[in-house]
Amino acid sequence: SRKSKLDMSGEFTASVRDTISAYAFARSIGLRNRGQFSEFLEEGHSPAIRIQNPSNRRCHLRLTEDNIASFHNKYMTLNTMQAELGLHRNTISTRLKAMDVLQFTSGGKSFGAIWLRHEVTSLFDDNRS
């Protein structure tokens, strides 16, 4: 059954139709390395649910609207910064590098172009509306 699948924190969730695949979400926010984002979710840095495909029994990570909101509340990518700040990604990258704001890591492991929101927003307060 597609309903009531157990998520990674042990809570039950709604139908798979109410979710987006981790891969599709990652691409929508500008992340192209599927393995890194899956690992980021697997390690619990942002919530996701695990749903087993009934035909091939493989587990897939998916995100609900609440999971997505949780990600955006804590993290930013170049795409989300560009959308929120109205600046070109090169301008954003240059400012991040100049201010030594590093991508999010955990235990020395990098998960790609993901930054902690609180480390980024103060650099761009003058661009926020």
C-alpha atoms as a PDB file:
ATOM      1  CA  SER A   1       0.000   0.000   0.000  1.00  0.00           C
ATOM      2  CA  ARG A   2       1.195   3.506  -0.764  1.00  0.00           C
ATOM      3  CA  LYS A   3      -0.426   4.966   2.332  1.00  0.00           C
ATOM      4  CA  SER A   4       1.008   5.081   5.825  1.00  0.00           C
ATOM      5  CA  LYS A   5       4.654   4.494   4.952  1.00  0.00           C
ATOM      6  CA  LEU A   6       7.099   4.908   7.803  1.00  0.00           C
ATOM      7  CA  ASP A   7       9.338   7.949   7.515  1.00  0.00           C
ATOM      8  CA  MET A   8      12.949   8.154   8.717  1.00  0.00           C
ATOM      9  CA  SER A   9      11.913   9.604  12.092  1.00  0.00           C
ATOM     10  CA  GLY A  10       9.320   6.900  12.730  1.00  0.00           C
ATOM     11  CA  GLU A  11       6.207   8.933  11.965  1.00  0.00           C
ATOM     12  CA  PHE A  12       3.535   7.878   9.497  1.00  0.00           C
ATOM     13  CA  THR A  13       2.931   9.942   6.393  1.00  0.00           C
ATOM     14  CA  ALA A  14       0.302  10.474   3.734  1.00  0.00           C
ATOM     15  CA  SER A  15       0.182   9.139   0.198  1.00  0.00           C
ATOM     16  CA  VAL A  16       3.175   9.124  -2.154  1.00  0.00           C
ATOM     17  CA  ARG A  17       1.117  11.408  -4.391  1.00  0.00           C
ATOM     18  CA  ASP A  18       1.580  14.172  -1.805  1.00  0.00           C
ATOM     19  CA  THR A  19       5.374  14.042  -2.116  1.00  0.00           C
ATOM     20  CA  ILE A  20       8.207  14.811  -4.536  1.00  0.00           C
ATOM     21  CA  SER A  21      11.220  12.594  -5.093  1.00  0.00           C
ATOM     22  CA  ALA A  22      14.449  13.717  -3.462  1.00  0.00           C
ATOM     23  CA  TYR A  23      16.053  13.725  -6.912  1.00  0.00           C
ATOM     24  CA  ALA A  24      13.383  16.016  -8.407  1.00  0.00           C
ATOM     25  CA  PHE A  25      13.536  18.363  -5.443  1.00  0.00           C
ATOM     26  CA  ALA A  26      17.336  18.507  -5.580  1.00  0.00           C
ATOM     27  CA  ARG A  27      17.229  19.417  -9.265  1.00  0.00           C
ATOM     28  CA  SER A  28      14.586  22.089  -8.602  1.00  0.00           C
ATOM     29  CA  ILE A  29      16.953  23.863  -6.185  1.00  0.00           C
ATOM     30  CA  GLY A  30      19.969  23.545  -8.483  1.00  0.00           C
ATOM     31  CA  LEU A  31      21.663  20.472  -7.044  1.00  0.00           C
ATOM     32  CA  ARG A  32      22.777  18.036  -9.715  1.00  0.00           C
ATOM     33  CA  ASN A  33      24.696  15.425  -7.727  1.00  0.00           C
ATOM     34  CA  ARG A  34      21.914  13.076  -6.695  1.00  0.00           C
ATOM     35  CA  GLY A  35      24.118  10.984  -4.436  1.00  0.00           C
ATOM     36  CA  GLN A  36      25.239  13.910  -2.305  1.00  0.00           C
ATOM     37  CA  PHE A  37      21.701  15.149  -1.642  1.00  0.00           C
ATOM     38  CA  SER A  38      20.455  11.647  -0.854  1.00  0.00           C
ATOM     39  CA  GLU A  39      23.326  11.249   1.591  1.00  0.00           C
ATOM     40  CA  PHE A  40      22.465  14.641   3.114  1.00  0.00           C
ATOM     41  CA  LEU A  41      18.910  13.388   3.722  1.00  0.00           C
ATOM     42  CA  GLU A  42      19.994   9.920   4.867  1.00  0.00           C
ATOM     43  CA  GLU A  43      22.185  11.510   7.529  1.00  0.00           C
ATOM     44  CA  GLY A  44      19.157  13.410   8.844  1.00  0.00           C
ATOM     45  CA  HIS A  45      20.241  16.962   8.059  1.00  0.00           C
ATOM     46  CA  SER A  46      16.784  17.671   6.672  1.00  0.00           C
ATOM     47  CA  PRO A  47      13.628  15.562   6.971  1.00  0.00           C
ATOM     48  CA  ALA A  48      12.501  13.134   4.283  1.00  0.00           C
ATOM     49  CA  ILE A  49      10.401  10.016   4.063  1.00  0.00           C
ATOM     50  CA  ARG A  50      11.406   6.631   2.744  1.00  0.00           C
ATOM     51  CA  ILE A  51       8.860   4.891   0.527  1.00  0.00           C
ATOM     52  CA  GLN A  52       9.267   1.391  -0.821  1.00  0.00           C
ATOM     53  CA  ASN A  53       8.325   0.831  -4.435  1.00  0.00           C
ATOM     54  CA  PRO A  54       5.866  -2.093  -4.337  1.00  0.00           C
ATOM     55  CA  SER A  55       6.973  -3.484  -7.699  1.00  0.00           C
ATOM     56  CA  ASN A  56      10.748  -3.620  -7.219  1.00  0.00           C
ATOM     57  CA  ARG A  57      10.920  -3.306  -3.397  1.00  0.00           C
ATOM     58  CA  ARG A  58      13.535  -0.524  -3.641  1.00  0.00           C
ATOM     59  CA  CYS A  59      13.310   2.335  -1.161  1.00  0.00           C
ATOM     60  CA  HIS A  60      13.179   5.906  -2.416  1.00  0.00           C
ATOM     61  CA  LEU A  61      13.535   9.151  -0.516  1.00  0.00           C
ATOM     62  CA  ARG A  62      10.690  11.604  -0.955  1.00  0.00           C
ATOM     63  CA  LEU A  63       9.804  14.979   0.529  1.00  0.00           C
ATOM     64  CA  THR A  64       6.475  16.337   1.717  1.00  0.00           C
ATOM     65  CA  GLU A  65       5.583  20.039   1.655  1.00  0.00           C
ATOM     66  CA  ASP A  66       6.554  20.232   5.340  1.00  0.00           C
ATOM     67  CA  ASN A  67       9.915  18.570   4.593  1.00  0.00           C
ATOM     68  CA  ILE A  68      10.556  21.113   1.837  1.00  0.00           C
ATOM     69  CA  ALA A  69       9.616  24.031   4.105  1.00  0.00           C
ATOM     70  CA  SER A  70      11.955  22.664   6.767  1.00  0.00           C
ATOM     71  CA  PHE A  71      14.811  22.501   4.251  1.00  0.00           C
ATOM     72  CA  HIS A  72      14.209  26.088   3.094  1.00  0.00           C
ATOM     73  CA  ASN A  73      14.021  27.350   6.687  1.00  0.00           C
ATOM     74  CA  LYS A  74      17.497  26.036   7.466  1.00  0.00           C
ATOM     75  CA  TYR A  75      19.401  25.897   4.158  1.00  0.00           C
ATOM     76  CA  MET A  76      19.945  27.772   0.903  1.00  0.00           C
ATOM     77  CA  THR A  77      21.387  26.888  -2.496  1.00  0.00           C
ATOM     78  CA  LEU A  78      22.578  29.236  -5.239  1.00  0.00           C
ATOM     79  CA  ASN A  79      19.199  28.823  -6.968  1.00  0.00           C
ATOM     80  CA  THR A  80      17.222  29.683  -3.836  1.00  0.00           C
ATOM     81  CA  MET A  81      19.521  32.629  -3.085  1.00  0.00           C
ATOM     82  CA  GLN A  82      19.105  33.905  -6.628  1.00  0.00           C
ATOM     83  CA  ALA A  83      15.309  33.640  -6.399  1.00  0.00           C
ATOM     84  CA  GLU A  84      15.095  35.309  -2.979  1.00  0.00           C
ATOM     85  CA  LEU A  85      17.721  37.997  -3.454  1.00  0.00           C
ATOM     86  CA  GLY A  86      17.240  38.866  -7.113  1.00  0.00           C
ATOM     87  CA  LEU A  87      20.992  38.747  -7.713  1.00  0.00           C
ATOM     88  CA  HIS A  88      22.931  36.837 -10.344  1.00  0.00           C
ATOM     89  CA  ARG A  89      24.466  33.584  -9.111  1.00  0.00           C
ATOM     90  CA  ASN A  90      27.971  34.816  -9.956  1.00  0.00           C
ATOM     91  CA  THR A  91      27.434  37.883  -7.738  1.00  0.00           C
ATOM     92  CA  ILE A  92      26.242  35.621  -4.940  1.00  0.00           C
ATOM     93  CA  SER A  93      29.169  33.199  -5.350  1.00  0.00           C
ATOM     94  CA  THR A  94      31.677  36.050  -5.368  1.00  0.00           C
ATOM     95  CA  ARG A  95      30.272  37.533  -2.159  1.00  0.00           C
ATOM     96  CA  LEU A  96      30.159  34.137  -0.419  1.00  0.00           C
ATOM     97  CA  LYS A  97      33.793  33.477  -1.324  1.00  0.00           C
ATOM     98  CA  ALA A  98      34.911  36.989  -0.341  1.00  0.00           C
ATOM     99  CA  MET A  99      33.288  36.602   3.081  1.00  0.00           C
ATOM    100  CA  ASP A 100      34.603  33.037   3.540  1.00  0.00           C
ATOM    101  CA  VAL A 101      31.115  31.545   3.902  1.00  0.00           C
ATOM    102  CA  LEU A 102      31.621  27.834   3.325  1.00  0.00           C
ATOM    103  CA  GLN A 103      29.195  25.240   2.077  1.00  0.00           C
ATOM    104  CA  PHE A 104      27.500  23.123   4.717  1.00  0.00           C
ATOM    105  CA  THR A 105      29.547  20.147   5.894  1.00  0.00           C
ATOM    106  CA  SER A 106      29.066  17.624   8.650  1.00  0.00           C
ATOM    107  CA  GLY A 107      31.873  15.557  10.067  1.00  0.00           C
ATOM    108  CA  GLY A 108      34.145  16.836   7.315  1.00  0.00           C
ATOM    109  CA  LYS A 109      31.761  15.571   4.624  1.00  0.00           C
ATOM    110  CA  SER A 110      30.516  17.948   1.917  1.00  0.00           C
ATOM    111  CA  PHE A 111      27.031  17.651   0.459  1.00  0.00           C
ATOM    112  CA  GLY A 112      27.484  20.029  -2.446  1.00  0.00           C
ATOM    113  CA  ALA A 113      26.295  23.597  -2.936  1.00  0.00           C
ATOM    114  CA  ILE A 114      24.183  23.890   0.230  1.00  0.00           C
ATOM    115  CA  TRP A 115      24.704  26.689   2.760  1.00  0.00           C
ATOM    116  CA  LEU A 116      23.213  27.308   6.178  1.00  0.00           C
ATOM    117  CA  ARG A 117      20.623  30.055   5.791  1.00  0.00           C
ATOM    118  CA  HIS A 118      21.705  31.941   8.916  1.00  0.00           C
ATOM    119  CA  GLU A 119      25.300  32.161   7.618  1.00  0.00           C
ATOM    120  CA  VAL A 120      24.158  33.610   4.292  1.00  0.00           C
ATOM    121  CA  THR A 121      21.297  36.000   5.012  1.00  0.00           C
ATOM    122  CA  SER A 122      23.261  38.614   6.957  1.00  0.00           C
ATOM    123  CA  LEU A 123      25.602  39.096   3.966  1.00  0.00           C
ATOM    124  CA  PHE A 124      22.688  40.090   1.766  1.00  0.00           C
ATOM    125  CA  ASP A 125      20.430  42.054   4.137  1.00  0.00           C
ATOM    126  CA  ASP A 126      20.669  45.076   1.848  1.00  0.00           C
ATOM    127  CA  ASN A 127      19.210  42.993  -1.053  1.00  0.00           C
ATOM    128  CA  ARG A 128      16.245  41.532   0.826  1.00  0.00           C
ATOM    129  CA  SER A 129      12.873  43.176   0.452  1.00  0.00           C
END
